[in-house]
Amino acid sequence: MDLAPLELAVNRLREAEAALDAARADVETEAVAAVREGAPVEAICDACGLTPHDLLRLEKTAGQLPH
């Protein structure tokens, strides 16, 4: 049995999961930056889907941002 199609699908899935993780990290970093620049928490949450609680927790634990 040829497992090459399965291996290809698994590789694509792993790459997609890695891309999703990277995109999520980017969203969180940009959301924290927006809070620190004074943007309204409600507007940030509406834009990115984070809850205000999660956003403020991220802001407190983020440390210095790489900008």
C-alpha atoms as a PDB file:
ATOM      1  CA  MET A   1       0.000   0.000   0.000  1.00  0.00           C
ATOM      2  CA  ASP A   2       1.279   3.474  -0.947  1.00  0.00           C
ATOM      3  CA  LEU A   3       1.313   5.770   2.077  1.00  0.00           C
ATOM      4  CA  ALA A   4       2.792   8.736   0.224  1.00  0.00           C
ATOM      5  CA  PRO A   5      -0.584  10.552  -0.040  1.00  0.00           C
ATOM      6  CA  LEU A   6      -1.126  10.100   3.685  1.00  0.00           C
ATOM      7  CA  GLU A   7       2.376  11.335   4.501  1.00  0.00           C
ATOM      8  CA  LEU A   8       1.814  14.365   2.269  1.00  0.00           C
ATOM      9  CA  ALA A   9      -1.475  15.140   4.005  1.00  0.00           C
ATOM     10  CA  VAL A  10       0.139  14.801   7.441  1.00  0.00           C
ATOM     11  CA  ASN A  11       2.947  17.164   6.420  1.00  0.00           C
ATOM     12  CA  ARG A  12       0.452  19.711   5.098  1.00  0.00           C
ATOM     13  CA  LEU A  13      -1.498  19.474   8.359  1.00  0.00           C
ATOM     14  CA  ARG A  14       1.640  20.026  10.445  1.00  0.00           C
ATOM     15  CA  GLU A  15       2.622  23.024   8.332  1.00  0.00           C
ATOM     16  CA  ALA A  16      -0.887  24.467   8.645  1.00  0.00           C
ATOM     17  CA  GLU A  17      -0.842  24.002  12.419  1.00  0.00           C
ATOM     18  CA  ALA A  18       2.539  25.744  12.633  1.00  0.00           C
ATOM     19  CA  ALA A  19       1.226  28.618  10.506  1.00  0.00           C
ATOM     20  CA  LEU A  20      -1.854  28.889  12.728  1.00  0.00           C
ATOM     21  CA  ASP A  21       0.306  29.011  15.861  1.00  0.00           C
ATOM     22  CA  ALA A  22       2.466  31.739  14.336  1.00  0.00           C
ATOM     23  CA  ALA A  23      -0.573  33.753  13.257  1.00  0.00           C
ATOM     24  CA  ARG A  24      -2.113  33.435  16.727  1.00  0.00           C
ATOM     25  CA  ALA A  25       1.116  34.685  18.296  1.00  0.00           C
ATOM     26  CA  ASP A  26       1.161  37.633  15.890  1.00  0.00           C
ATOM     27  CA  VAL A  27      -2.437  38.527  16.773  1.00  0.00           C
ATOM     28  CA  GLU A  28      -1.667  38.381  20.480  1.00  0.00           C
ATOM     29  CA  THR A  29       1.461  40.518  20.093  1.00  0.00           C
ATOM     30  CA  GLU A  30      -0.351  43.134  18.018  1.00  0.00           C
ATOM     31  CA  ALA A  31      -3.309  43.167  20.415  1.00  0.00           C
ATOM     32  CA  VAL A  32      -0.996  43.783  23.376  1.00  0.00           C
ATOM     33  CA  ALA A  33       0.783  46.520  21.437  1.00  0.00           C
ATOM     34  CA  ALA A  34      -2.564  48.154  20.681  1.00  0.00           C
ATOM     35  CA  VAL A  35      -3.542  48.100  24.376  1.00  0.00           C
ATOM     36  CA  ARG A  36      -0.222  49.647  25.330  1.00  0.00           C
ATOM     37  CA  GLU A  37      -0.706  52.365  22.712  1.00  0.00           C
ATOM     38  CA  GLY A  38      -4.054  53.255  24.268  1.00  0.00           C
ATOM     39  CA  ALA A  39      -6.547  51.612  21.944  1.00  0.00           C
ATOM     40  CA  PRO A  40      -9.857  50.754  23.618  1.00  0.00           C
ATOM     41  CA  VAL A  41      -9.909  47.186  24.947  1.00  0.00           C
ATOM     42  CA  GLU A  42     -13.402  46.648  23.557  1.00  0.00           C
ATOM     43  CA  ALA A  43     -12.331  47.642  20.045  1.00  0.00           C
ATOM     44  CA  ILE A  44      -9.297  45.358  20.160  1.00  0.00           C
ATOM     45  CA  CYS A  45     -11.389  42.444  21.404  1.00  0.00           C
ATOM     46  CA  ASP A  46     -13.971  43.012  18.675  1.00  0.00           C
ATOM     47  CA  ALA A  47     -11.225  42.998  16.057  1.00  0.00           C
ATOM     48  CA  CYS A  48      -9.320  39.923  17.219  1.00  0.00           C
ATOM     49  CA  GLY A  49     -11.771  37.769  19.129  1.00  0.00           C
ATOM     50  CA  LEU A  50      -9.940  37.763  22.451  1.00  0.00           C
ATOM     51  CA  THR A  51     -11.940  38.312  25.603  1.00  0.00           C
ATOM     52  CA  PRO A  52     -11.090  41.406  27.637  1.00  0.00           C
ATOM     53  CA  HIS A  53      -9.894  39.149  30.463  1.00  0.00           C
ATOM     54  CA  ASP A  54      -7.544  37.221  28.150  1.00  0.00           C
ATOM     55  CA  LEU A  55      -6.280  40.401  26.516  1.00  0.00           C
ATOM     56  CA  LEU A  56      -5.453  42.073  29.819  1.00  0.00           C
ATOM     57  CA  ARG A  57      -3.798  38.876  31.097  1.00  0.00           C
ATOM     58  CA  LEU A  58      -1.654  38.778  27.966  1.00  0.00           C
ATOM     59  CA  GLU A  59      -0.730  42.427  28.416  1.00  0.00           C
ATOM     60  CA  LYS A  60       0.398  41.827  31.990  1.00  0.00           C
ATOM     61  CA  THR A  61       2.534  38.809  31.109  1.00  0.00           C
ATOM     62  CA  ALA A  62       3.910  39.894  27.731  1.00  0.00           C
ATOM     63  CA  GLY A  63       6.947  41.803  28.882  1.00  0.00           C
ATOM     64  CA  GLN A  64       8.717  43.899  26.285  1.00  0.00           C
ATOM     65  CA  LEU A  65       7.416  43.504  22.737  1.00  0.00           C
ATOM     66  CA  PRO A  66       9.754  42.921  19.785  1.00  0.00           C
ATOM     67  CA  HIS A  67       8.818  46.129  17.947  1.00  0.00           C
END
